[in-house]
Each structure stands twice: as C-alpha cells, then as structure tokens.
C-alpha cells in the first residue's frame, strides 16, 4: 500500500480551516493556541490514519477519538509549551 501524502495535506488544511472557522464564528472568544494546534494536529493524525489504513474519514476519526487522542495531544502540546516558556 502506498502512502498518500495528499490525504495528509488535505487533513492539515481541513484542520486549519475548522480551527479558524470555529474562532471566527464566535464573537469575543479569546484566542487559544492550544485548542487551535490540538485541532490541527488531530486533523493531521486523522489524515495519516486515512492514508495509511485506507479507512473512510469518519471511521478514522472515530478511531482517533476512541484512543483519547485529543487529551493526549493537548497534554503533549502543554508539556512542549511549558518547556519553551520556561527555557
């Protein structure tokens, strides 16, 4: 099976679009970089799973969510952010 990078690129664009549109629809919402990057990373991971497994998008997304990926990604990003800020 050949890895399809266009699926991952599409997932990155979709994650960026989803994250940005979520902030733009809500008036006065404070920008949250952690939430933004979490959304983008989940999109990237979902795209990679779709490309690697040849699953449908909803199946791959449900798989990622069932793994607890949002909490894991948030924790990793928080740890990275703390290391950068305290460095």
Protein backbone atom coordinates (compact mmCIF):
# COMPACT_ATOMS: atom_id res chain seq x y z
CA UNK A 1 0.00 0.00 0.00
CA UNK A 2 1.37 3.38 -0.97
CA UNK A 3 1.14 6.27 1.48
CA UNK A 4 -0.93 9.12 0.04
CA UNK A 5 0.50 12.45 1.21
CA UNK A 6 -2.33 14.39 -0.42
CA UNK A 7 -4.71 12.96 2.20
CA UNK A 8 -2.47 14.25 4.99
CA UNK A 9 -2.15 17.65 3.28
CA UNK A 10 -5.93 17.78 2.92
CA UNK A 11 -6.26 16.92 6.63
CA UNK A 12 -3.87 19.75 7.56
CA UNK A 13 -5.87 22.23 5.51
CA UNK A 14 -9.14 20.89 6.92
CA UNK A 15 -7.82 21.14 10.49
CA UNK A 16 -6.66 24.72 9.93
CA UNK A 17 -9.95 25.68 8.30
CA UNK A 18 -12.01 24.06 11.05
CA UNK A 19 -9.98 25.67 13.83
CA UNK A 20 -10.07 29.13 12.25
CA UNK A 21 -13.77 28.98 11.37
CA UNK A 22 -14.58 27.96 14.94
CA UNK A 23 -12.96 31.12 16.28
CA UNK A 24 -14.41 33.38 13.62
CA UNK A 25 -17.99 32.27 14.27
CA UNK A 26 -17.88 33.20 17.96
CA UNK A 27 -17.82 36.89 18.77
CA UNK A 28 -15.39 37.85 21.52
CA UNK A 29 -13.87 34.41 22.01
CA UNK A 30 -10.32 34.58 23.34
CA UNK A 31 -7.73 33.00 21.04
CA UNK A 32 -6.49 29.72 22.47
CA UNK A 33 -3.34 28.47 20.75
CA UNK A 34 -3.52 25.10 22.50
CA UNK A 35 -7.04 24.46 21.24
CA UNK A 36 -6.07 25.67 17.76
CA UNK A 37 -3.00 23.42 17.48
CA UNK A 38 -4.86 20.47 19.01
CA UNK A 39 -7.49 20.74 16.28
CA UNK A 40 -4.84 20.94 13.58
CA UNK A 41 -2.82 18.00 14.97
CA UNK A 42 -5.96 15.84 15.25
CA UNK A 43 -6.66 16.66 11.59
CA UNK A 44 -3.14 15.65 10.62
CA UNK A 45 -3.28 12.39 12.58
CA UNK A 46 -6.70 11.56 11.16
CA UNK A 47 -5.42 12.21 7.64
CA UNK A 48 -2.42 9.97 8.27
CA UNK A 49 -4.68 7.18 9.53
CA UNK A 50 -6.91 7.53 6.45
CA UNK A 51 -3.90 7.43 4.14
CA UNK A 52 -2.22 4.51 5.89
CA UNK A 53 -5.26 2.34 6.63
CA UNK A 54 -7.45 3.16 3.63
CA UNK A 55 -10.39 3.67 6.02
CA UNK A 56 -13.16 6.16 5.45
CA UNK A 57 -12.70 9.53 7.16
CA UNK A 58 -15.42 9.03 9.77
CA UNK A 59 -14.04 5.62 10.73
CA UNK A 60 -10.52 7.01 11.09
CA UNK A 61 -11.76 10.00 13.13
CA UNK A 62 -13.76 7.72 15.46
CA UNK A 63 -10.67 5.54 15.88
CA UNK A 64 -8.54 8.56 16.80
CA UNK A 65 -11.16 9.83 19.25
CA UNK A 66 -11.58 6.40 20.85
CA UNK A 67 -7.83 6.37 21.55
CA UNK A 68 -8.22 9.56 23.56
CA UNK A 69 -6.09 11.44 21.07
CA UNK A 70 -7.45 14.88 21.90
CA UNK A 71 -6.40 14.61 25.54
CA UNK A 72 -3.05 13.08 24.57
CA UNK A 73 -2.32 15.80 22.00
CA UNK A 74 -3.34 18.53 24.48
CA UNK A 75 -1.05 17.07 27.15
CA UNK A 76 1.89 16.82 24.75
CA UNK A 77 1.37 20.37 23.48
CA UNK A 78 1.07 21.68 27.06
CA UNK A 79 4.33 19.96 28.01
CA UNK A 80 6.10 21.37 24.95
CA UNK A 81 4.71 24.86 25.62
CA UNK A 82 5.86 24.75 29.26
CA UNK A 83 9.35 23.71 28.18
CA UNK A 84 9.52 26.57 25.65
CA UNK A 85 8.20 29.20 28.05
CA UNK A 86 10.46 28.11 30.93
CA UNK A 87 13.51 27.73 28.67
